Amino acid sequence: MNTAAIARHMNGLGIRSVPDEIISPPGAAAAYMKQHQFTSYHLLAHQELNIGFKEEETDDRPNVVIVGDLGDILTFDRIDFAFRLLMAGADLLALHKDRFWQTEQGLRMDTGAMVTALEYASGKTATVVGKPERPFFDMAIKTLGLPSNQVVMIGDSIETDIGGAQRAGIEAILVRTGNYQFLSESESDVIPDHVIDSIADLPVLFS
């Protein structure tokens, strides 16, 4: 989802949000392309993630292939075309590398499988600009204008959310909902600062 869609979803849950307050992987990708002076890209993701990219979207020898959420538009031809662009010289950029995510219809395979397939086929290593990478959390801290010890991360993934936040110096709270039920804490070396059963428990935790 783009930041506008995320804000609508959060507001629907009763959490006041506006798009400008949301740090997203596409925003991190845009910053990365600007930093590396890329002028063109190919987007292997829903077009709604295209917002914020100033560079030219092209199928003709782009500087970088950006991999994000494809959902139902995922086809072998799309991945194979991205593979050929990589072999022609494009860099590989991943918005994230999660294995799966929880939807109203149940578990769905996530972007990580596509990224791994492209890495294996092309021999290239993807640069991940979203969670759990440190620059993504640093960008959020900078946007908030707060020191890391005044920021709290709340998430349901022990590695992506909790581990990534802690490596950035952020206190991390694991919620036993969503992806948590499919990811064992015993399989990870990451130890959350706090564990709660629901986000509704936050007021009690900080009271």
N, C-alpha and C. Protein backbone atom coordinates (compact mmCIF):
# COMPACT_ATOMS: atom_id res chain seq x y z
N MET A 1 0.83 -1.19 0.00
CA MET A 1 0.00 0.00 0.00
C MET A 1 0.87 1.25 0.00
N ASN A 2 0.38 2.31 -0.65
CA ASN A 2 1.08 3.58 -0.56
C ASN A 2 0.71 4.27 0.75
N THR A 3 1.36 5.41 1.03
CA THR A 3 1.17 6.04 2.34
C THR A 3 -0.26 6.52 2.55
N ALA A 4 -0.94 6.95 1.49
CA ALA A 4 -2.33 7.40 1.63
C ALA A 4 -3.23 6.23 2.03
N ALA A 5 -3.01 5.08 1.41
CA ALA A 5 -3.80 3.89 1.73
C ALA A 5 -3.51 3.41 3.16
N ILE A 6 -2.23 3.47 3.55
CA ILE A 6 -1.86 3.08 4.91
C ILE A 6 -2.53 4.00 5.92
N ALA A 7 -2.54 5.32 5.65
CA ALA A 7 -3.16 6.28 6.56
C ALA A 7 -4.66 6.00 6.68
N ARG A 8 -5.32 5.70 5.57
CA ARG A 8 -6.76 5.39 5.62
C ARG A 8 -7.01 4.14 6.48
N HIS A 9 -6.15 3.13 6.31
CA HIS A 9 -6.30 1.90 7.08
C HIS A 9 -6.10 2.17 8.57
N MET A 10 -5.07 2.94 8.92
CA MET A 10 -4.79 3.25 10.31
C MET A 10 -5.93 4.06 10.94
N ASN A 11 -6.43 5.03 10.19
CA ASN A 11 -7.54 5.83 10.71
C ASN A 11 -8.78 4.97 10.93
N GLY A 12 -8.95 3.96 10.04
CA GLY A 12 -10.07 3.03 10.20
C GLY A 12 -9.96 2.20 11.46
N LEU A 13 -8.73 2.02 11.94
CA LEU A 13 -8.49 1.29 13.17
C LEU A 13 -8.54 2.19 14.41
N GLY A 14 -8.78 3.49 14.16
CA GLY A 14 -8.86 4.43 15.27
C GLY A 14 -7.53 5.04 15.65
N ILE A 15 -6.51 4.89 14.79
CA ILE A 15 -5.19 5.47 15.05
C ILE A 15 -5.00 6.65 14.10
N ARG A 16 -4.99 7.86 14.65
CA ARG A 16 -4.91 9.05 13.80
C ARG A 16 -3.62 9.04 13.00
N SER A 17 -3.75 9.15 11.68
CA SER A 17 -2.58 9.11 10.80
C SER A 17 -2.79 10.01 9.59
N VAL A 18 -1.71 10.60 9.11
CA VAL A 18 -1.72 11.34 7.85
C VAL A 18 -0.55 10.83 7.02
N PRO A 19 -0.65 10.85 5.69
CA PRO A 19 0.40 10.28 4.84
C PRO A 19 1.80 10.82 5.10
N ASP A 20 1.92 12.12 5.41
CA ASP A 20 3.24 12.71 5.61
C ASP A 20 3.96 12.18 6.85
N GLU A 21 3.22 11.54 7.75
CA GLU A 21 3.83 11.01 8.97
C GLU A 21 4.27 9.56 8.80
N ILE A 22 4.02 8.98 7.64
CA ILE A 22 4.27 7.56 7.43
C ILE A 22 5.56 7.35 6.64
N ILE A 23 6.46 6.54 7.18
CA ILE A 23 7.70 6.19 6.49
C ILE A 23 7.47 4.84 5.81
N SER A 24 7.64 4.80 4.51
CA SER A 24 7.34 3.58 3.76
C SER A 24 8.56 3.09 2.99
N PRO A 25 8.63 1.81 2.67
CA PRO A 25 9.73 1.31 1.84
C PRO A 25 9.84 2.01 0.48
N PRO A 26 8.72 2.33 -0.21
CA PRO A 26 8.89 3.09 -1.46
C PRO A 26 9.58 4.43 -1.24
N GLY A 27 9.28 5.09 -0.11
CA GLY A 27 9.98 6.34 0.19
C GLY A 27 11.46 6.13 0.41
N ALA A 28 11.80 5.02 1.05
CA ALA A 28 13.21 4.69 1.25
C ALA A 28 13.88 4.37 -0.07
N ALA A 29 13.15 3.71 -0.98
CA ALA A 29 13.70 3.41 -2.31
C ALA A 29 13.96 4.69 -3.10
N ALA A 30 13.03 5.64 -2.98
CA ALA A 30 13.21 6.92 -3.67
C ALA A 30 14.46 7.64 -3.16
N ALA A 31 14.65 7.61 -1.84
CA ALA A 31 15.85 8.25 -1.26
C ALA A 31 17.12 7.54 -1.71
N TYR A 32 17.06 6.22 -1.79
CA TYR A 32 18.22 5.44 -2.22
C TYR A 32 18.59 5.77 -3.67
N MET A 33 17.60 5.85 -4.53
CA MET A 33 17.88 6.17 -5.94
C MET A 33 18.47 7.56 -6.09
N LYS A 34 17.96 8.51 -5.32
CA LYS A 34 18.50 9.86 -5.37
C LYS A 34 19.94 9.88 -4.87
N GLN A 35 20.21 9.16 -3.80
CA GLN A 35 21.55 9.11 -3.23
C GLN A 35 22.56 8.53 -4.21
N HIS A 36 22.15 7.52 -4.97
CA HIS A 36 23.05 6.84 -5.91
C HIS A 36 22.95 7.39 -7.33
N GLN A 37 22.18 8.48 -7.48
CA GLN A 37 22.06 9.20 -8.76
C GLN A 37 21.57 8.28 -9.88
N PHE A 38 20.64 7.39 -9.54
CA PHE A 38 20.00 6.58 -10.57
C PHE A 38 19.02 7.46 -11.33
N THR A 39 18.92 7.24 -12.63
CA THR A 39 18.02 8.05 -13.45
C THR A 39 16.83 7.26 -13.99
N SER A 40 16.85 5.92 -13.84
CA SER A 40 15.76 5.11 -14.39
C SER A 40 15.59 3.84 -13.58
N TYR A 41 14.40 3.26 -13.65
CA TYR A 41 14.11 2.05 -12.89
C TYR A 41 13.01 1.24 -13.58
N HIS A 42 12.94 -0.03 -13.21
CA HIS A 42 11.83 -0.89 -13.60
C HIS A 42 11.16 -1.36 -12.32
N LEU A 43 9.83 -1.21 -12.23
CA LEU A 43 9.10 -1.53 -11.01
C LEU A 43 8.42 -2.89 -11.14
N LEU A 44 8.89 -3.85 -10.35
CA LEU A 44 8.25 -5.16 -10.27
C LEU A 44 7.37 -5.14 -9.02
N ALA A 45 6.26 -4.43 -9.13
CA ALA A 45 5.36 -4.23 -7.99
C ALA A 45 4.11 -3.54 -8.51
N HIS A 46 3.08 -3.45 -7.67
CA HIS A 46 1.87 -2.72 -8.02
C HIS A 46 2.23 -1.26 -8.33
N GLN A 47 1.58 -0.68 -9.32
CA GLN A 47 1.86 0.69 -9.71
C GLN A 47 1.53 1.70 -8.61
N GLU A 48 0.69 1.33 -7.66
CA GLU A 48 0.38 2.27 -6.58
C GLU A 48 1.60 2.57 -5.72
N LEU A 49 2.63 1.72 -5.81
CA LEU A 49 3.87 1.96 -5.07
C LEU A 49 4.79 2.93 -5.80
N ASN A 50 4.36 3.40 -6.96
CA ASN A 50 5.19 4.25 -7.81
C ASN A 50 5.28 5.69 -7.30
N ILE A 51 4.40 6.06 -6.39
CA ILE A 51 4.35 7.44 -5.92
C ILE A 51 5.65 7.82 -5.23
N GLY A 52 6.20 8.97 -5.60
CA GLY A 52 7.41 9.47 -4.96
C GLY A 52 8.67 9.22 -5.76
N PHE A 53 8.60 8.41 -6.80
CA PHE A 53 9.77 8.17 -7.63
C PHE A 53 9.86 9.25 -8.70
N LYS A 54 10.97 9.97 -8.71
CA LYS A 54 11.16 11.06 -9.67
C LYS A 54 11.88 10.58 -10.94
N GLU A 55 12.50 9.42 -10.85
CA GLU A 55 13.28 8.90 -11.98
C GLU A 55 12.33 8.34 -13.05
N GLU A 56 12.89 8.03 -14.21
CA GLU A 56 12.09 7.52 -15.33
C GLU A 56 11.84 6.03 -15.17
N GLU A 57 10.58 5.64 -15.29
CA GLU A 57 10.26 4.21 -15.31
C GLU A 57 10.41 3.71 -16.75
N THR A 58 11.21 2.68 -16.93
CA THR A 58 11.50 2.22 -18.28
C THR A 58 11.74 0.71 -18.30
N ASP A 59 11.50 0.10 -19.44
CA ASP A 59 11.84 -1.31 -19.66
C ASP A 59 13.11 -1.45 -20.49
N ASP A 60 13.74 -0.32 -20.79
CA ASP A 60 14.92 -0.32 -21.65
C ASP A 60 16.17 -0.01 -20.84
N ARG A 61 16.85 -1.06 -20.35
CA ARG A 61 18.11 -0.96 -19.62
C ARG A 61 18.03 0.06 -18.46
N PRO A 62 17.13 -0.17 -17.49
CA PRO A 62 17.07 0.71 -16.31
C PRO A 62 18.29 0.54 -15.43
N ASN A 63 18.54 1.54 -14.58
CA ASN A 63 19.64 1.44 -13.61
C ASN A 63 19.35 0.39 -12.55
N VAL A 64 18.07 0.22 -12.21
CA VAL A 64 17.72 -0.63 -11.07
C VAL A 64 16.35 -1.27 -11.28
N VAL A 65 16.22 -2.50 -10.79
CA VAL A 65 14.93 -3.18 -10.73
C VAL A 65 14.45 -3.13 -9.28
N ILE A 66 13.27 -2.57 -9.05
CA ILE A 66 12.72 -2.44 -7.71
C ILE A 66 11.64 -3.51 -7.53
N VAL A 67 11.81 -4.35 -6.51
CA VAL A 67 10.87 -5.44 -6.26
C VAL A 67 10.05 -5.13 -5.02
N GLY A 68 8.73 -5.17 -5.19
CA GLY A 68 7.82 -4.94 -4.08
C GLY A 68 6.64 -5.87 -4.16
N ASP A 69 5.52 -5.49 -3.57
CA ASP A 69 4.34 -6.35 -3.53
C ASP A 69 3.66 -6.41 -4.90
N LEU A 70 3.46 -7.63 -5.40
CA LEU A 70 2.78 -7.85 -6.68
C LEU A 70 1.39 -8.46 -6.51
N GLY A 71 1.22 -9.31 -5.52
CA GLY A 71 -0.09 -9.91 -5.30
C GLY A 71 -0.57 -10.70 -6.50
N ASP A 72 -1.79 -10.44 -6.91
CA ASP A 72 -2.42 -11.24 -7.97
C ASP A 72 -1.87 -10.95 -9.37
N ILE A 73 -1.07 -9.91 -9.54
CA ILE A 73 -0.53 -9.64 -10.88
C ILE A 73 0.83 -10.31 -11.09
N LEU A 74 1.25 -11.11 -10.11
CA LEU A 74 2.52 -11.83 -10.24
C LEU A 74 2.42 -12.92 -11.31
N THR A 75 3.34 -12.89 -12.25
CA THR A 75 3.42 -13.93 -13.27
C THR A 75 4.89 -14.30 -13.50
N PHE A 76 5.11 -15.47 -14.07
CA PHE A 76 6.47 -15.87 -14.40
C PHE A 76 7.09 -14.90 -15.39
N ASP A 77 6.32 -14.45 -16.38
CA ASP A 77 6.86 -13.55 -17.39
C ASP A 77 7.38 -12.26 -16.77
N ARG A 78 6.68 -11.73 -15.77
CA ARG A 78 7.12 -10.49 -15.11
C ARG A 78 8.47 -10.71 -14.40
N ILE A 79 8.57 -11.82 -13.67
CA ILE A 79 9.82 -12.10 -12.97
C ILE A 79 10.95 -12.39 -13.95
N ASP A 80 10.64 -13.12 -15.01
CA ASP A 80 11.66 -13.46 -16.00
C ASP A 80 12.16 -12.20 -16.72
N PHE A 81 11.24 -11.26 -16.99
CA PHE A 81 11.66 -10.01 -17.63
C PHE A 81 12.59 -9.22 -16.70
N ALA A 82 12.25 -9.19 -15.40
CA ALA A 82 13.11 -8.51 -14.43
C ALA A 82 14.48 -9.18 -14.37
N PHE A 83 14.50 -10.51 -14.42
CA PHE A 83 15.77 -11.24 -14.43
C PHE A 83 16.63 -10.82 -15.61
N ARG A 84 16.04 -10.67 -16.79
CA ARG A 84 16.81 -10.29 -17.97
C ARG A 84 17.35 -8.87 -17.86
N LEU A 85 16.60 -7.99 -17.20
CA LEU A 85 17.10 -6.64 -16.97
C LEU A 85 18.30 -6.65 -16.03
N LEU A 86 18.24 -7.52 -15.02
CA LEU A 86 19.38 -7.65 -14.10
C LEU A 86 20.61 -8.17 -14.82
N MET A 87 20.41 -9.14 -15.69
CA MET A 87 21.53 -9.70 -16.43
C MET A 87 22.11 -8.70 -17.43
N ALA A 88 21.29 -7.70 -17.80
CA ALA A 88 21.76 -6.65 -18.71
C ALA A 88 22.47 -5.53 -17.97
N GLY A 89 22.52 -5.62 -16.62
CA GLY A 89 23.30 -4.64 -15.87
C GLY A 89 22.59 -3.90 -14.77
N ALA A 90 21.26 -4.07 -14.63
CA ALA A 90 20.52 -3.33 -13.61
C ALA A 90 20.86 -3.85 -12.21
N ASP A 91 20.83 -2.96 -11.23
CA ASP A 91 20.96 -3.36 -9.83
C ASP A 91 19.62 -3.88 -9.33
N LEU A 92 19.64 -4.62 -8.20
CA LEU A 92 18.44 -5.20 -7.62
C LEU A 92 18.14 -4.53 -6.29
N LEU A 93 16.95 -3.94 -6.20
CA LEU A 93 16.53 -3.22 -5.00
C LEU A 93 15.22 -3.83 -4.49
N ALA A 94 15.18 -4.22 -3.22
CA ALA A 94 13.99 -4.83 -2.63
C ALA A 94 13.38 -3.90 -1.60
N LEU A 95 12.07 -3.70 -1.68
CA LEU A 95 11.40 -2.88 -0.69
C LEU A 95 11.41 -3.56 0.68
N HIS A 96 11.38 -4.86 0.68
CA HIS A 96 11.57 -5.65 1.89
C HIS A 96 11.81 -7.09 1.46
N LYS A 97 11.99 -7.98 2.43
CA LYS A 97 12.30 -9.37 2.08
C LYS A 97 11.55 -10.33 3.01
N ASP A 98 10.32 -9.95 3.35
CA ASP A 98 9.51 -10.80 4.21
C ASP A 98 9.11 -12.08 3.49
N ARG A 99 8.99 -13.16 4.26
CA ARG A 99 8.64 -14.47 3.68
C ARG A 99 7.14 -14.57 3.40
N PHE A 100 6.32 -14.07 4.31
CA PHE A 100 4.87 -14.17 4.13
C PHE A 100 4.19 -13.09 4.96
N TRP A 101 2.90 -12.92 4.72
CA TRP A 101 2.13 -11.97 5.51
C TRP A 101 0.72 -12.49 5.71
N GLN A 102 0.07 -11.98 6.76
CA GLN A 102 -1.26 -12.45 7.14
C GLN A 102 -2.31 -11.54 6.53
N THR A 103 -3.29 -12.13 5.83
CA THR A 103 -4.38 -11.37 5.24
C THR A 103 -5.71 -11.90 5.77
N GLU A 104 -6.80 -11.27 5.36
CA GLU A 104 -8.13 -11.74 5.78
C GLU A 104 -8.42 -13.13 5.21
N GLN A 105 -7.73 -13.48 4.12
CA GLN A 105 -7.91 -14.79 3.50
C GLN A 105 -6.90 -15.82 4.02
N GLY A 106 -6.05 -15.42 4.95
CA GLY A 106 -5.03 -16.31 5.48
C GLY A 106 -3.65 -15.90 5.04
N LEU A 107 -2.67 -16.79 5.21
CA LEU A 107 -1.29 -16.49 4.85
C LEU A 107 -1.12 -16.35 3.34
N ARG A 108 -0.26 -15.39 2.94
CA ARG A 108 0.11 -15.25 1.54
C ARG A 108 1.63 -15.10 1.44
N MET A 109 2.21 -15.73 0.44
CA MET A 109 3.65 -15.60 0.23
C MET A 109 3.99 -14.15 -0.08
N ASP A 110 5.10 -13.68 0.47
CA ASP A 110 5.44 -12.26 0.32
C ASP A 110 6.64 -12.08 -0.61
N THR A 111 7.11 -10.83 -0.66
CA THR A 111 8.11 -10.40 -1.64
C THR A 111 9.43 -11.14 -1.53
N GLY A 112 9.78 -11.60 -0.34
CA GLY A 112 11.07 -12.26 -0.14
C GLY A 112 11.32 -13.41 -1.09
N ALA A 113 10.28 -14.16 -1.43
CA ALA A 113 10.45 -15.31 -2.33
C ALA A 113 10.87 -14.85 -3.73
N MET A 114 10.27 -13.77 -4.20
CA MET A 114 10.63 -13.24 -5.52
C MET A 114 12.04 -12.69 -5.53
N VAL A 115 12.40 -11.97 -4.46
CA VAL A 115 13.73 -11.39 -4.37
C VAL A 115 14.78 -12.50 -4.35
N THR A 116 14.54 -13.53 -3.56
CA THR A 116 15.48 -14.64 -3.46
C THR A 116 15.63 -15.36 -4.80
N ALA A 117 14.52 -15.54 -5.51
CA ALA A 117 14.58 -16.18 -6.82
C ALA A 117 15.42 -15.36 -7.80
N LEU A 118 15.25 -14.04 -7.78
CA LEU A 118 16.03 -13.18 -8.68
C LEU A 118 17.50 -13.15 -8.28
N GLU A 119 17.78 -13.18 -6.99
CA GLU A 119 19.17 -13.24 -6.53
C GLU A 119 19.84 -14.53 -7.02
N TYR A 120 19.15 -15.62 -6.85
CA TYR A 120 19.71 -16.92 -7.24
C TYR A 120 19.94 -16.98 -8.75
N ALA A 121 18.96 -16.54 -9.53
CA ALA A 121 19.07 -16.64 -10.99
C ALA A 121 20.11 -15.70 -11.56
N SER A 122 20.20 -14.47 -11.01
CA SER A 122 21.08 -13.45 -11.57
C SER A 122 22.48 -13.45 -10.95
N GLY A 123 22.61 -14.06 -9.76
CA GLY A 123 23.89 -14.01 -9.05
C GLY A 123 24.12 -12.69 -8.35
N LYS A 124 23.09 -11.82 -8.31
CA LYS A 124 23.23 -10.52 -7.65
C LYS A 124 22.60 -10.56 -6.27
N THR A 125 23.08 -9.69 -5.39
CA THR A 125 22.53 -9.57 -4.05
C THR A 125 21.68 -8.31 -3.96
N ALA A 126 20.45 -8.47 -3.51
CA ALA A 126 19.55 -7.32 -3.44
C ALA A 126 19.94 -6.38 -2.31
N THR A 127 19.77 -5.09 -2.54
CA THR A 127 19.83 -4.09 -1.49
C THR A 127 18.42 -3.94 -0.94
N VAL A 128 18.23 -4.21 0.34
CA VAL A 128 16.92 -4.10 0.97
C VAL A 128 16.81 -2.74 1.63
N VAL A 129 15.79 -1.96 1.25
CA VAL A 129 15.67 -0.59 1.77
C VAL A 129 14.64 -0.47 2.89
N GLY A 130 13.80 -1.50 3.08
CA GLY A 130 12.80 -1.48 4.14
C GLY A 130 13.29 -2.22 5.38
N LYS A 131 12.34 -2.60 6.24
CA LYS A 131 12.70 -3.41 7.40
C LYS A 131 13.30 -4.73 6.96
N PRO A 132 14.27 -5.28 7.68
CA PRO A 132 14.79 -4.87 9.00
C PRO A 132 16.07 -4.06 8.91
N GLU A 133 16.34 -3.45 7.77
CA GLU A 133 17.63 -2.77 7.57
C GLU A 133 17.72 -1.49 8.39
N ARG A 134 18.92 -1.21 8.90
CA ARG A 134 19.16 -0.07 9.79
C ARG A 134 18.79 1.28 9.14
N PRO A 135 19.14 1.54 7.86
CA PRO A 135 18.82 2.85 7.29
C PRO A 135 17.32 3.18 7.31
N PHE A 136 16.47 2.15 7.21
CA PHE A 136 15.02 2.39 7.23
C PHE A 136 14.59 2.93 8.60
N PHE A 137 15.09 2.31 9.65
CA PHE A 137 14.76 2.78 11.00
C PHE A 137 15.39 4.14 11.28
N ASP A 138 16.60 4.35 10.79
CA ASP A 138 17.25 5.65 10.96
C ASP A 138 16.46 6.76 10.29
N MET A 139 15.88 6.45 9.12
CA MET A 139 15.06 7.44 8.42
C MET A 139 13.83 7.80 9.24
N ALA A 140 13.22 6.81 9.86
CA ALA A 140 12.05 7.06 10.70
C ALA A 140 12.41 7.92 11.90
N ILE A 141 13.53 7.60 12.54
CA ILE A 141 13.98 8.37 13.71
C ILE A 141 14.24 9.83 13.32
N LYS A 142 14.89 10.01 12.18
CA LYS A 142 15.20 11.37 11.72
C LYS A 142 13.93 12.15 11.43
N THR A 143 12.95 11.49 10.82
CA THR A 143 11.68 12.15 10.49
C THR A 143 10.94 12.55 11.76
N LEU A 144 10.99 11.71 12.78
CA LEU A 144 10.34 12.02 14.04
C LEU A 144 11.03 13.15 14.79
N GLY A 145 12.33 13.32 14.52
CA GLY A 145 13.08 14.35 15.22
C GLY A 145 13.31 14.04 16.68
N LEU A 146 13.41 12.74 16.98
CA LEU A 146 13.61 12.30 18.36
C LEU A 146 14.85 11.42 18.45
N PRO A 147 15.47 11.37 19.62
CA PRO A 147 16.56 10.39 19.81
C PRO A 147 15.96 8.99 19.84
N SER A 148 16.77 8.00 19.47
CA SER A 148 16.27 6.63 19.37
C SER A 148 15.72 6.10 20.68
N ASN A 149 16.26 6.59 21.81
CA ASN A 149 15.79 6.07 23.11
C ASN A 149 14.43 6.64 23.51
N GLN A 150 13.85 7.51 22.67
CA GLN A 150 12.50 8.02 22.91
C GLN A 150 11.51 7.48 21.88
N VAL A 151 11.94 6.47 21.12
CA VAL A 151 11.10 5.87 20.08
C VAL A 151 10.82 4.41 20.44
N VAL A 152 9.61 3.95 20.16
CA VAL A 152 9.22 2.56 20.43
C VAL A 152 8.72 1.93 19.14
N MET A 153 9.17 0.71 18.87
CA MET A 153 8.69 -0.06 17.72
C MET A 153 7.73 -1.13 18.23
N ILE A 154 6.57 -1.25 17.59
CA ILE A 154 5.60 -2.28 17.94
C ILE A 154 5.37 -3.12 16.70
N GLY A 155 5.60 -4.43 16.79
CA GLY A 155 5.45 -5.27 15.61
C GLY A 155 5.19 -6.72 15.96
N ASP A 156 4.84 -7.50 14.92
CA ASP A 156 4.50 -8.91 15.14
C ASP A 156 5.54 -9.87 14.57
N SER A 157 6.64 -9.34 14.03
CA SER A 157 7.70 -10.19 13.46
C SER A 157 8.95 -10.07 14.32
N ILE A 158 9.41 -11.17 14.87
CA ILE A 158 10.53 -11.16 15.79
C ILE A 158 11.81 -10.67 15.12
N GLU A 159 12.05 -11.05 13.87
CA GLU A 159 13.27 -10.66 13.18
C GLU A 159 13.13 -9.31 12.49
N THR A 160 12.09 -9.17 11.67
CA THR A 160 11.93 -7.97 10.84
C THR A 160 11.63 -6.74 11.67
N ASP A 161 10.69 -6.83 12.59
CA ASP A 161 10.28 -5.68 13.39
C ASP A 161 11.16 -5.50 14.63
N ILE A 162 11.23 -6.54 15.44
CA ILE A 162 11.91 -6.42 16.73
C ILE A 162 13.43 -6.36 16.57
N GLY A 163 13.98 -7.31 15.82
CA GLY A 163 15.43 -7.32 15.61
C GLY A 163 15.92 -6.07 14.90
N GLY A 164 15.21 -5.66 13.86
CA GLY A 164 15.61 -4.46 13.12
C GLY A 164 15.59 -3.22 13.98
N ALA A 165 14.54 -3.07 14.80
CA ALA A 165 14.43 -1.90 15.67
C ALA A 165 15.54 -1.88 16.71
N GLN A 166 15.79 -3.02 17.33
CA GLN A 166 16.81 -3.06 18.38
C GLN A 166 18.20 -2.74 17.84
N ARG A 167 18.49 -3.19 16.64
CA ARG A 167 19.80 -2.87 16.05
C ARG A 167 19.94 -1.37 15.77
N ALA A 168 18.81 -0.67 15.68
CA ALA A 168 18.83 0.78 15.49
C ALA A 168 18.73 1.52 16.82
N GLY A 169 18.78 0.79 17.94
CA GLY A 169 18.72 1.43 19.24
C GLY A 169 17.33 1.79 19.70
N ILE A 170 16.32 1.12 19.15
CA ILE A 170 14.93 1.43 19.47
C ILE A 170 14.35 0.34 20.36
N GLU A 171 13.64 0.73 21.41
CA GLU A 171 12.92 -0.23 22.25
C GLU A 171 11.86 -0.93 21.40
N ALA A 172 11.73 -2.26 21.56
CA ALA A 172 10.86 -3.01 20.67
C ALA A 172 9.87 -3.87 21.45
N ILE A 173 8.61 -3.80 21.02
CA ILE A 173 7.53 -4.53 21.68
C ILE A 173 6.94 -5.54 20.69
N LEU A 174 6.97 -6.80 21.06
CA LEU A 174 6.42 -7.85 20.21
C LEU A 174 4.95 -8.08 20.55
N VAL A 175 4.09 -8.07 19.52
CA VAL A 175 2.66 -8.32 19.70
C VAL A 175 2.34 -9.73 19.21
N ARG A 176 1.64 -10.49 20.04
CA ARG A 176 1.32 -11.88 19.68
C ARG A 176 0.08 -11.95 18.79
N THR A 177 0.12 -11.24 17.69
CA THR A 177 -0.96 -11.27 16.71
C THR A 177 -0.35 -11.36 15.32
N GLY A 178 -1.18 -11.49 14.29
CA GLY A 178 -0.69 -11.46 12.91
C GLY A 178 0.34 -12.53 12.62
N ASN A 179 1.51 -12.11 12.14
CA ASN A 179 2.56 -13.06 11.77
C ASN A 179 3.14 -13.82 12.96
N TYR A 180 2.96 -13.28 14.17
CA TYR A 180 3.60 -13.89 15.34
C TYR A 180 3.28 -15.37 15.47
N GLN A 181 2.02 -15.74 15.22
CA GLN A 181 1.61 -17.13 15.47
C GLN A 181 2.29 -18.11 14.52
N PHE A 182 2.93 -17.61 13.45
CA PHE A 182 3.60 -18.49 12.50
C PHE A 182 5.12 -18.41 12.60
N LEU A 183 5.62 -17.55 13.51
CA LEU A 183 7.05 -17.37 13.67
C LEU A 183 7.44 -17.67 15.11
N SER A 184 8.26 -18.66 15.32
CA SER A 184 8.63 -19.09 16.67
C SER A 184 9.73 -18.21 17.24
N GLU A 185 9.51 -17.72 18.47
CA GLU A 185 10.53 -16.94 19.16
C GLU A 185 11.76 -17.80 19.44
N SER A 186 11.56 -19.10 19.62
CA SER A 186 12.67 -19.99 19.95
C SER A 186 13.65 -20.16 18.80
N GLU A 187 13.23 -19.80 17.58
CA GLU A 187 14.09 -19.93 16.41
C GLU A 187 14.97 -18.70 16.21
N SER A 188 14.83 -17.71 17.07
CA SER A 188 15.55 -16.45 16.91
C SER A 188 16.37 -16.13 18.15
N ASP A 189 17.47 -15.43 17.94
CA ASP A 189 18.29 -14.94 19.04
C ASP A 189 17.78 -13.61 19.58
N VAL A 190 16.79 -13.02 18.89
CA VAL A 190 16.26 -11.71 19.27
C VAL A 190 15.36 -11.86 20.50
N ILE A 191 15.55 -10.99 21.50
CA ILE A 191 14.72 -10.99 22.71
C ILE A 191 13.99 -9.65 22.77
N PRO A 192 12.68 -9.64 22.65
CA PRO A 192 11.93 -8.38 22.71
C PRO A 192 12.10 -7.69 24.05
N ASP A 193 11.96 -6.37 24.06
CA ASP A 193 11.99 -5.64 25.32
C ASP A 193 10.71 -5.90 26.12
N HIS A 194 9.60 -6.05 25.40
CA HIS A 194 8.31 -6.36 26.02
C HIS A 194 7.53 -7.26 25.06
N VAL A 195 6.61 -8.04 25.61
CA VAL A 195 5.71 -8.87 24.81
C VAL A 195 4.29 -8.64 25.29
N ILE A 196 3.38 -8.35 24.37
CA ILE A 196 1.97 -8.14 24.73
C ILE A 196 1.10 -8.99 23.81
N ASP A 197 -0.13 -9.24 24.25
CA ASP A 197 -1.04 -10.08 23.47
C ASP A 197 -1.80 -9.27 22.42
N SER A 198 -1.93 -7.97 22.63
CA SER A 198 -2.69 -7.12 21.72
C SER A 198 -2.19 -5.70 21.83
N ILE A 199 -2.33 -4.94 20.76
CA ILE A 199 -1.94 -3.54 20.80
C ILE A 199 -2.80 -2.76 21.80
N ALA A 200 -3.96 -3.33 22.12
CA ALA A 200 -4.82 -2.70 23.12
C ALA A 200 -4.20 -2.72 24.51
N ASP A 201 -3.15 -3.55 24.70
CA ASP A 201 -2.48 -3.63 26.00
C ASP A 201 -1.44 -2.53 26.20
N LEU A 202 -1.19 -1.74 25.20
CA LEU A 202 -0.16 -0.69 25.31
C LEU A 202 -0.40 0.28 26.45
N PRO A 203 -1.61 0.79 26.64
CA PRO A 203 -1.81 1.75 27.75
C PRO A 203 -1.42 1.16 29.10
N VAL A 204 -1.68 -0.15 29.29
CA VAL A 204 -1.33 -0.79 30.55
C VAL A 204 0.18 -0.91 30.68
N LEU A 205 0.86 -1.23 29.57
CA LEU A 205 2.29 -1.38 29.58
C LEU A 205 3.00 -0.09 29.99
N PHE A 206 2.48 1.04 29.55
CA PHE A 206 3.14 2.31 29.81
C PHE A 206 2.48 3.12 30.93
N SER A 207 1.56 2.51 31.63
CA SER A 207 0.90 3.24 32.71
C SER A 207 1.77 3.26 33.97
